[in-house]
C-alpha atoms as a PDB file:
ATOM      1  CA  MET A   1      17.788 -10.616   4.192  1.00  0.00           C
ATOM      2  CA  GLU A   2      15.884 -12.767   6.661  1.00  0.00           C
ATOM      3  CA  LEU A   3      14.958 -16.418   6.990  1.00  0.00           C
ATOM      4  CA  MET A   4      11.302 -17.189   6.499  1.00  0.00           C
ATOM      5  CA  ASN A   5       9.026 -20.161   5.929  1.00  0.00           C
ATOM      6  CA  CYS A   6       7.461 -20.387   2.482  1.00  0.00           C
ATOM      7  CA  ARG A   7       3.752 -19.536   2.580  1.00  0.00           C
ATOM      8  CA  ASN A   8       3.047 -22.466   0.261  1.00  0.00           C
ATOM      9  CA  CYS A   9       5.369 -25.371   1.094  1.00  0.00           C
ATOM     10  CA  LYS A  10       6.570 -24.200   4.565  1.00  0.00           C
ATOM     11  CA  ARG A  11      10.260 -24.692   3.663  1.00  0.00           C
ATOM     12  CA  LEU A  12      12.797 -22.264   5.097  1.00  0.00           C
ATOM     13  CA  PHE A  13      14.313 -19.789   2.583  1.00  0.00           C
ATOM     14  CA  ASN A  14      16.111 -16.431   2.440  1.00  0.00           C
ATOM     15  CA  TYR A  15      13.408 -13.810   2.037  1.00  0.00           C
ATOM     16  CA  ILE A  16      14.331 -10.532   0.373  1.00  0.00           C
ATOM     17  CA  THR A  17      11.162  -8.853  -0.968  1.00  0.00           C
ATOM     18  CA  GLY A  18       7.857  -9.634  -2.658  1.00  0.00           C
ATOM     19  CA  GLU A  19       5.623 -12.573  -1.979  1.00  0.00           C
ATOM     20  CA  LYS A  20       6.645 -14.852   0.833  1.00  0.00           C
ATOM     21  CA  LEU A  21       7.321 -17.814  -1.447  1.00  0.00           C
ATOM     22  CA  CYS A  22      10.486 -19.852  -1.856  1.00  0.00           C
ATOM     23  CA  PRO A  23      12.175 -19.778  -5.294  1.00  0.00           C
ATOM     24  CA  ASP A  24      10.727 -23.195  -6.240  1.00  0.00           C
ATOM     25  CA  CYS A  25       7.149 -22.136  -5.419  1.00  0.00           C
ATOM     26  CA  LYS A  26       7.635 -18.814  -7.254  1.00  0.00           C
ATOM     27  CA  LYS A  27       8.783 -20.744 -10.312  1.00  0.00           C
ATOM     28  CA  GLN A  28       5.749 -23.062 -10.124  1.00  0.00           C
ATOM     29  CA  LEU A  29       3.434 -20.058  -9.750  1.00  0.00           C
ATOM     30  CA  GLU A  30       4.979 -18.392 -12.820  1.00  0.00           C
ATOM     31  CA  GLU A  31       4.500 -21.606 -14.805  1.00  0.00           C
ATOM     32  CA  LYS A  32       0.830 -21.662 -13.730  1.00  0.00           C
ATOM     33  CA  PHE A  33       0.518 -18.017 -14.767  1.00  0.00           C
ATOM     34  CA  GLU A  34       1.820 -18.824 -18.261  1.00  0.00           C
ATOM     35  CA  GLU A  35      -0.575 -21.781 -18.484  1.00  0.00           C
ATOM     36  CA  VAL A  36      -3.547 -19.585 -17.492  1.00  0.00           C
ATOM     37  CA  LYS A  37      -2.488 -16.839 -19.887  1.00  0.00           C
ATOM     38  CA  ILE A  38      -2.299 -19.252 -22.828  1.00  0.00           C
ATOM     39  CA  TYR A  39      -5.615 -20.856 -21.856  1.00  0.00           C
ATOM     40  CA  ILE A  40      -7.355 -17.468 -21.754  1.00  0.00           C
ATOM     41  CA  GLU A  41      -5.886 -16.503 -25.134  1.00  0.00           C
ATOM     42  CA  ASP A  42      -7.080 -19.782 -26.649  1.00  0.00           C
ATOM     43  CA  ASN A  43     -10.513 -19.689 -24.925  1.00  0.00           C
ATOM     44  CA  PRO A  44     -11.560 -16.021 -24.634  1.00  0.00           C
ATOM     45  CA  GLY A  45     -15.203 -16.690 -23.716  1.00  0.00           C
ATOM     46  CA  LYS A  46     -14.572 -18.825 -20.630  1.00  0.00           C
ATOM     47  CA  THR A  47     -15.521 -17.700 -17.130  1.00  0.00           C
ATOM     48  CA  ILE A  48     -13.050 -17.404 -14.269  1.00  0.00           C
ATOM     49  CA  ASN A  49     -14.504 -20.560 -12.717  1.00  0.00           C
ATOM     50  CA  LEU A  50     -13.867 -22.584 -15.876  1.00  0.00           C
ATOM     51  CA  VAL A  51     -10.369 -21.142 -16.302  1.00  0.00           C
ATOM     52  CA  ALA A  52      -9.533 -21.954 -12.674  1.00  0.00           C
ATOM     53  CA  GLU A  53     -10.873 -25.482 -13.028  1.00  0.00           C
ATOM     54  CA  ALA A  54      -9.111 -26.182 -16.326  1.00  0.00           C
ATOM     55  CA  CYS A  55      -5.754 -24.843 -15.158  1.00  0.00           C
ATOM     56  CA  GLU A  56      -6.028 -26.046 -11.558  1.00  0.00           C
ATOM     57  CA  VAL A  57      -5.475 -22.555 -10.120  1.00  0.00           C
ATOM     58  CA  SER A  58      -7.545 -20.822  -7.462  1.00  0.00           C
ATOM     59  CA  ILE A  59     -10.026 -18.150  -8.503  1.00  0.00           C
ATOM     60  CA  HIS A  60      -8.383 -15.862  -5.943  1.00  0.00           C
ATOM     61  CA  GLN A  61      -5.004 -16.212  -7.715  1.00  0.00           C
ATOM     62  CA  ILE A  62      -6.511 -15.427 -11.127  1.00  0.00           C
ATOM     63  CA  LYS A  63      -8.237 -12.340  -9.709  1.00  0.00           C
ATOM     64  CA  LYS A  64      -4.943 -11.282  -8.135  1.00  0.00           C
ATOM     65  CA  TRP A  65      -3.176 -11.491 -11.517  1.00  0.00           C
ATOM     66  CA  VAL A  66      -5.985  -9.454 -13.104  1.00  0.00           C
ATOM     67  CA  ARG A  67      -5.782  -6.796 -10.340  1.00  0.00           C
ATOM     68  CA  GLU A  68      -2.000  -6.632 -10.880  1.00  0.00           C
ATOM     69  CA  GLU A  69      -2.737  -6.108 -14.598  1.00  0.00           C
ATOM     70  CA  ARG A  70      -0.691  -9.144 -15.543  1.00  0.00           C
ATOM     71  CA  LEU A  71      -3.828 -10.700 -17.033  1.00  0.00           C
ATOM     72  CA  SER A  72      -6.723  -8.989 -18.721  1.00  0.00           C
ATOM     73  CA  PHE A  73      -9.881 -10.141 -20.382  1.00  0.00           C
ATOM     74  CA  THR A  74     -11.289  -8.781 -23.640  1.00  0.00           C
ATOM     75  CA  ASP A  75     -14.078  -6.206 -23.507  1.00  0.00           C
ATOM     76  CA  ASP A  76     -16.587  -8.680 -24.953  1.00  0.00           C
ATOM     77  CA  SER A  77     -15.650 -11.298 -22.337  1.00  0.00           C
ATOM     78  CA  LEU A  78     -18.142 -12.327 -19.672  1.00  0.00           C
ATOM     79  CA  VAL A  79     -15.288 -12.362 -17.172  1.00  0.00           C
ATOM     80  CA  GLY A  80     -14.562  -9.298 -15.102  1.00  0.00           C
ATOM     81  CA  LEU A  81     -13.980  -7.837 -11.692  1.00  0.00           C
ATOM     82  CA  GLU A  82     -15.665  -5.021  -9.845  1.00  0.00           C
ATOM     83  CA  CYS A  83     -14.061  -1.598  -9.673  1.00  0.00           C
ATOM     84  CA  GLU A  84     -12.882  -1.192  -6.075  1.00  0.00           C
ATOM     85  CA  ARG A  85     -14.417   2.278  -5.910  1.00  0.00           C
ATOM     86  CA  CYS A  86     -17.767   2.198  -7.720  1.00  0.00           C
ATOM     87  CA  GLY A  87     -18.446  -1.492  -8.404  1.00  0.00           C
ATOM     88  CA  ARG A  88     -18.588  -1.181 -12.206  1.00  0.00           C
ATOM     89  CA  MET A  89     -17.413  -4.244 -14.175  1.00  0.00           C
ATOM     90  CA  ILE A  90     -13.773  -3.975 -15.336  1.00  0.00           C
ATOM     91  CA  HIS A  91     -11.514  -6.405 -17.180  1.00  0.00           C
ATOM     92  CA  SER A  92      -8.136  -5.503 -15.679  1.00  0.00           C
ATOM     93  CA  GLY A  93      -6.660  -3.506 -12.806  1.00  0.00           C
ATOM     94  CA  ARG A  94      -8.334  -2.163  -9.688  1.00  0.00           C
ATOM     95  CA  PHE A  95     -10.363   0.817 -10.921  1.00  0.00           C
ATOM     96  CA  CYS A  96     -12.522   1.662 -13.934  1.00  0.00           C
ATOM     97  CA  SER A  97     -11.232   4.454 -16.181  1.00  0.00           C
ATOM     98  CA  LYS A  98     -13.666   7.000 -14.702  1.00  0.00           C
ATOM     99  CA  CYS A  99     -12.641   6.284 -11.093  1.00  0.00           C
ATOM    100  CA  ALA A 100      -8.939   6.193 -12.036  1.00  0.00           C
ATOM    101  CA  GLY A 101      -9.345   9.617 -13.632  1.00  0.00           C
ATOM    102  CA  ASN A 102     -11.136  10.936 -10.544  1.00  0.00           C
ATOM    103  CA  LEU A 103      -8.359   9.621  -8.298  1.00  0.00           C
ATOM    104  CA  VAL A 104      -5.704  11.281 -10.456  1.00  0.00           C
ATOM    105  CA  ASP A 105      -7.642  14.570 -10.392  1.00  0.00           C
ATOM    106  CA  SER A 106      -7.982  14.358  -6.589  1.00  0.00           C
ATOM    107  CA  MET A 107      -4.271  13.692  -6.156  1.00  0.00           C
ATOM    108  CA  ASN A 108      -3.345  16.563  -8.480  1.00  0.00           C
ATOM    109  CA  ALA A 109      -5.686  18.927  -6.615  1.00  0.00           C
ATOM    110  CA  ALA A 110      -4.187  17.900  -3.258  1.00  0.00           C
ATOM    111  CA  TYR A 111      -0.667  18.393  -4.627  1.00  0.00           C
ATOM    112  CA  LYS A 112      -1.502  21.871  -5.956  1.00  0.00           C
ATOM    113  CA  LYS A 113      -3.139  22.812  -2.652  1.00  0.00           C
ATOM    114  CA  ASP A 114      -0.019  21.674  -0.782  1.00  0.00           C
ATOM    115  CA  GLU A 115       2.225  23.667  -3.135  1.00  0.00           C
ATOM    116  CA  GLU A 116       0.119  26.799  -2.613  1.00  0.00           C
ATOM    117  CA  TYR A 117       0.273  26.334   1.152  1.00  0.00           C
ATOM    118  CA  ARG A 118       4.053  25.894   1.087  1.00  0.00           C
ATOM    119  CA  LYS A 119       4.473  29.061  -0.979  1.00  0.00           C
ATOM    120  CA  LYS A 120       2.233  30.980   1.401  1.00  0.00           C
ATOM    121  CA  VAL A 121       4.091  29.728   4.488  1.00  0.00           C
ATOM    122  CA  SER A 122       7.540  30.266   2.979  1.00  0.00           C
ATOM    123  CA  ASN A 123       6.731  33.895   2.170  1.00  0.00           C
ATOM    124  CA  VAL A 124       5.531  34.595   5.713  1.00  0.00           C
ATOM    125  CA  ALA A 125       8.169  32.667   7.610  1.00  0.00           C
ATOM    126  CA  LYS A 126      11.258  34.215   6.057  1.00  0.00           C
ATOM    127  CA  MET A 127      13.979  35.458   8.364  1.00  0.00           C
ATOM    128  CA  ARG A 128      14.418  39.216   8.266  1.00  0.00           C
ATOM    129  CA  PHE A 129      17.626  41.090   8.985  1.00  0.00           C
ATOM    130  CA  LEU A 130      17.879  44.663  10.236  1.00  0.00           C
ATOM    131  CA  GLU A 131      20.531  46.817   8.750  1.00  0.00           C
END
């Protein structure tokens, strides 16, 4: 545990993990999140700009909640973010389903390649005893 100044209000607090916000600012941010969530549910066709204005939250914060998959917009909504890999419009998360699938496939292929290499090396590098 270390002492740190809150990123928002600059007060000193005991920082453990997560965002560098004091407990009071975290609580206020969670209240804003709930307000935005309810507003989006009640007004599904609104743009991020209108949501940010109505709820008095930054566009950056709303996009952050969407990237974290805490918020999502309906498929027919005009609101969306760009996939971080290909730029396609998505409504939640960081990657579109196609890019997410490609990333999973790439990781699985790398894992299998590593396993094959380890098997190959372990067979060659065994200690041999003479009798």
